[in-house]
Amino acid sequence: MNKENLGWAVSGALAMSLIFVVSTGFQEKALKLGTVNVAKVFDDSEIRQKLDVEIREFGTARENTFNFLATYPMLPTADLKKFRELSLKLPQTDADKAELERLRKAGVTADQKYRELQTKPNATDAEKTQLATYQRNVQENERYLGLTQQEFSREITDRQSKMRADTLLKVKAAISEISQKQGYSIVFSDETAPYAANDLTPEALKAINAKK
């Protein structure tokens, strides 16, 4: 599982596109222009930092689940599916936790037995049958593991994208709110107007943090 690059960044193209038209009627009063560093508001916000922790935990839970599935592929597919379901379930009941513990122990036992049977000379018919079952499970679970890895990667990417989009909406709302309160007509991204006065970045950051 690849959990790298979980940090977020607002691209230059996105930041440059964020120009806030706060009020109309420009012919009736002098324009009051401001700038804001959208990327800084986004990156430094407490909401963003909190969501970073949440997405990291989301990814870690799937990584840990996948590691179990990949470590014990000799278990029946039904057991691997049950472990996946329960390990990601929130909240978990006492019965869920007991079942997960049973599956963990079953995995350890199966792994030890599988290794033993692979090298055991003069195996009995029953042991040969058990080994064949383990080998069949490993083969059958190979495809399931591949699909699970793809699904987990997609889930992490989708969750990250949604959280980023939600946070950006809150950033925009905070900038719009502070701009209106202070009477600005237009607020540009600081990439569009890097030398302009009236930087609203500190105020926008305070505004979004106040909404936590």
Protein backbone atom coordinates (compact mmCIF):
# COMPACT_ATOMS: atom_id res chain seq x y z
CA MET A 1 0.00 0.00 0.00
CA ASN A 2 1.37 3.41 -0.94
CA LYS A 3 0.45 6.08 1.58
CA GLU A 4 3.07 8.56 0.46
CA ASN A 5 2.16 12.07 -0.63
CA LEU A 6 -0.73 12.29 1.80
CA GLY A 7 0.19 15.94 2.30
CA TRP A 8 -1.93 18.37 0.31
CA ALA A 9 -0.98 21.40 -1.74
CA VAL A 10 -3.00 24.01 -3.59
CA SER A 11 -1.59 24.22 -7.11
CA GLY A 12 -0.53 27.54 -8.59
CA ALA A 13 -3.18 27.26 -11.26
CA LEU A 14 -5.87 26.82 -8.64
CA ALA A 15 -4.61 29.66 -6.49
CA MET A 16 -4.41 32.03 -9.47
CA SER A 17 -7.99 31.25 -10.38
CA LEU A 18 -9.31 32.26 -6.98
CA ILE A 19 -10.27 35.89 -7.41
CA PHE A 20 -13.06 36.95 -5.09
CA VAL A 21 -15.49 39.55 -6.35
CA VAL A 22 -16.99 40.74 -3.11
CA SER A 23 -19.29 43.56 -4.13
CA THR A 24 -20.71 45.31 -7.19
CA GLY A 25 -21.54 48.93 -7.93
CA PHE A 26 -17.92 49.85 -8.57
CA GLN A 27 -18.98 53.09 -10.32
CA GLU A 28 -20.52 54.34 -7.07
CA LYS A 29 -17.48 54.07 -4.85
CA ALA A 30 -13.74 53.65 -5.05
CA LEU A 31 -12.55 50.10 -5.42
CA LYS A 32 -10.97 48.54 -2.37
CA LEU A 33 -8.65 45.77 -3.48
CA GLY A 34 -7.00 43.06 -1.42
CA THR A 35 -4.89 39.96 -1.87
CA VAL A 36 -4.76 36.61 -0.13
CA ASN A 37 -2.36 33.67 -0.13
CA VAL A 38 -4.89 30.91 -0.63
CA ALA A 39 -2.30 28.13 -0.33
CA LYS A 40 -1.10 29.43 3.03
CA VAL A 41 -4.63 29.72 4.42
CA PHE A 42 -5.30 26.19 3.21
CA ASP A 43 -2.05 24.65 4.46
CA ASP A 44 -1.90 26.42 7.82
CA SER A 45 -5.55 26.03 8.80
CA GLU A 46 -6.34 23.95 11.86
CA ILE A 47 -9.08 22.19 9.89
CA ARG A 48 -6.52 21.04 7.33
CA GLN A 49 -4.20 19.79 10.07
CA LYS A 50 -7.03 17.85 11.70
CA LEU A 51 -8.03 16.29 8.40
CA ASP A 52 -4.42 15.32 7.76
CA VAL A 53 -4.57 13.20 10.90
CA GLU A 54 -7.89 11.68 9.85
CA ILE A 55 -6.72 10.70 6.37
CA ARG A 56 -3.49 9.28 7.80
CA GLU A 57 -5.51 7.13 10.20
CA PHE A 58 -7.83 6.14 7.33
CA GLY A 59 -4.84 5.00 5.29
CA THR A 60 -3.09 3.26 8.17
CA ALA A 61 -6.20 1.21 8.96
CA ARG A 62 -6.28 -0.09 5.40
CA GLU A 63 -2.57 -0.73 5.34
CA ASN A 64 -2.78 -2.79 8.53
CA THR A 65 -5.76 -4.73 7.21
CA PHE A 66 -4.04 -5.47 3.92
CA ASN A 67 -0.88 -6.60 5.72
CA PHE A 68 -2.92 -9.21 7.61
CA LEU A 69 -4.57 -10.47 4.41
CA ALA A 70 -1.22 -10.69 2.63
CA THR A 71 0.44 -12.44 5.57
CA TYR A 72 -2.18 -15.18 5.90
CA PRO A 73 -3.37 -16.00 2.34
CA MET A 74 -3.66 -19.66 3.29
CA LEU A 75 -6.85 -18.84 5.21
CA PRO A 76 -10.16 -19.36 3.40
CA THR A 77 -11.25 -16.35 1.35
CA ALA A 78 -14.36 -16.05 3.51
CA ASP A 79 -12.16 -15.53 6.58
CA LEU A 80 -10.09 -12.85 4.83
CA LYS A 81 -13.25 -11.03 3.73
CA LYS A 82 -14.64 -11.19 7.25
CA PHE A 83 -11.42 -9.80 8.69
CA ARG A 84 -11.42 -6.97 6.17
CA GLU A 85 -15.02 -6.11 6.94
CA LEU A 86 -14.67 -6.12 10.72
CA SER A 87 -11.24 -4.51 10.95
CA LEU A 88 -12.51 -1.42 9.11
CA LYS A 89 -15.87 -1.30 10.86
CA LEU A 90 -16.46 1.72 13.09
CA PRO A 91 -17.41 1.38 15.82
CA GLN A 92 -16.60 -2.25 16.59
CA THR A 93 -18.76 -4.21 18.99
CA ASP A 94 -17.34 -6.63 21.55
CA ALA A 95 -18.47 -9.46 19.29
CA ASP A 96 -16.59 -7.89 16.37
CA LYS A 97 -13.42 -7.63 18.44
CA ALA A 98 -13.74 -11.23 19.58
CA GLU A 99 -14.16 -12.42 16.00
CA LEU A 100 -11.15 -10.42 14.88
CA GLU A 101 -9.06 -11.97 17.62
CA ARG A 102 -10.24 -15.42 16.59
CA LEU A 103 -9.23 -14.73 12.99
CA ARG A 104 -5.82 -13.44 14.04
CA LYS A 105 -5.16 -16.61 16.02
CA ALA A 106 -6.45 -18.73 13.14
CA GLY A 107 -4.06 -16.93 10.82
CA VAL A 108 -1.05 -17.56 13.04
CA THR A 109 -1.99 -21.21 13.48
CA ALA A 110 -2.59 -21.74 9.76
CA ASP A 111 0.69 -20.06 8.85
CA GLN A 112 2.67 -22.22 11.25
CA LYS A 113 0.95 -25.39 10.05
CA TYR A 114 1.41 -24.46 6.40
CA ARG A 115 5.14 -23.90 6.87
CA GLU A 116 5.45 -27.16 8.78
CA LEU A 117 3.62 -29.22 6.15
CA GLN A 118 5.63 -27.74 3.30
CA THR A 119 8.83 -29.29 4.65
CA LYS A 120 7.50 -32.31 6.51
CA PRO A 121 8.69 -35.69 5.17
CA ASN A 122 6.39 -38.70 5.14
CA ALA A 123 3.22 -36.65 5.56
CA THR A 124 0.02 -38.55 6.22
CA ASP A 125 -2.87 -38.48 3.78
CA ALA A 126 -4.73 -36.10 6.06
CA GLU A 127 -1.72 -33.78 6.17
CA LYS A 128 -1.35 -33.90 2.39
CA THR A 129 -5.00 -32.96 2.06
CA GLN A 130 -4.52 -30.07 4.49
CA LEU A 131 -1.47 -28.83 2.58
CA ALA A 132 -3.37 -29.01 -0.69
CA THR A 133 -6.16 -26.95 0.87
CA TYR A 134 -3.70 -24.29 2.03
CA GLN A 135 -2.09 -24.16 -1.41
CA ARG A 136 -5.47 -23.83 -3.09
CA ASN A 137 -6.40 -20.99 -0.73
CA VAL A 138 -3.17 -19.15 -1.50
CA GLN A 139 -3.84 -19.40 -5.24
CA GLU A 140 -7.47 -18.37 -4.94
CA ASN A 141 -6.65 -15.42 -2.67
CA GLU A 142 -4.00 -14.01 -4.99
CA ARG A 143 -6.64 -12.30 -7.13
CA TYR A 144 -8.62 -11.17 -4.07
CA LEU A 145 -5.51 -9.54 -2.60
CA GLY A 146 -4.84 -7.69 -5.85
CA LEU A 147 -8.39 -6.37 -6.00
CA THR A 148 -8.29 -5.38 -2.34
CA GLN A 149 -5.08 -3.41 -2.81
CA GLN A 150 -6.60 -1.54 -5.75
CA GLU A 151 -9.79 -0.82 -3.82
CA PHE A 152 -7.92 0.45 -0.77
CA SER A 153 -5.74 2.73 -2.90
CA ARG A 154 -8.83 4.13 -4.61
CA GLU A 155 -10.61 4.63 -1.27
CA ILE A 156 -7.66 6.58 0.12
CA THR A 157 -7.42 8.75 -2.99
CA ASP A 158 -11.17 9.44 -3.04
CA ARG A 159 -11.25 10.25 0.66
CA GLN A 160 -8.30 12.60 0.33
CA SER A 161 -9.83 14.36 -2.67
CA LYS A 162 -13.16 14.85 -0.90
CA MET A 163 -11.52 16.20 2.25
CA ARG A 164 -9.38 18.58 0.20
CA ALA A 165 -12.40 19.83 -1.72
CA ASP A 166 -14.39 20.33 1.49
CA THR A 167 -11.52 22.23 3.10
CA LEU A 168 -11.09 24.47 0.06
CA LEU A 169 -14.77 25.38 0.22
CA LYS A 170 -14.31 26.42 3.84
CA VAL A 171 -11.22 28.45 2.90
CA LYS A 172 -13.17 30.26 0.19
CA ALA A 173 -16.01 30.95 2.60
CA ALA A 174 -13.63 32.36 5.21
CA ILE A 175 -11.95 34.64 2.66
CA SER A 176 -15.31 35.84 1.36
CA GLU A 177 -16.58 36.52 4.88
CA ILE A 178 -13.56 38.54 5.99
CA SER A 179 -13.53 40.44 2.69
CA GLN A 180 -17.14 41.50 3.06
CA LYS A 181 -16.68 42.53 6.67
CA GLN A 182 -13.74 44.75 5.75
CA GLY A 183 -15.45 46.25 2.70
CA TYR A 184 -13.27 44.91 -0.09
CA SER A 185 -14.55 45.05 -3.67
CA ILE A 186 -12.21 42.44 -5.14
CA VAL A 187 -9.69 40.08 -3.54
CA PHE A 188 -6.98 38.63 -5.77
CA SER A 189 -4.72 35.68 -5.20
CA ASP A 190 -1.31 37.03 -4.21
CA GLU A 191 0.10 35.13 -7.21
CA THR A 192 -2.00 37.34 -9.46
CA ALA A 193 -1.06 40.56 -7.64
CA PRO A 194 2.11 39.76 -5.66
CA TYR A 195 3.00 43.37 -4.82
CA ALA A 196 -0.43 44.67 -3.87
CA ALA A 197 -1.16 46.01 -0.43
CA ASN A 198 -3.93 44.85 1.91
CA ASP A 199 -2.95 41.22 2.49
CA LEU A 200 -5.94 39.40 4.00
CA THR A 201 -4.11 36.13 4.61
CA PRO A 202 -3.72 36.48 8.43
CA GLU A 203 -7.33 37.54 8.88
CA ALA A 204 -8.61 34.76 6.62
CA LEU A 205 -6.60 32.19 8.55
CA LYS A 206 -8.03 33.44 11.85
CA ALA A 207 -11.53 33.31 10.39
CA ILE A 208 -11.32 29.72 9.22
CA ASN A 209 -9.71 28.59 12.47
CA ALA A 210 -12.52 30.22 14.41
CA LYS A 211 -14.98 27.95 12.62
CA LYS A 212 -13.46 24.70 13.91
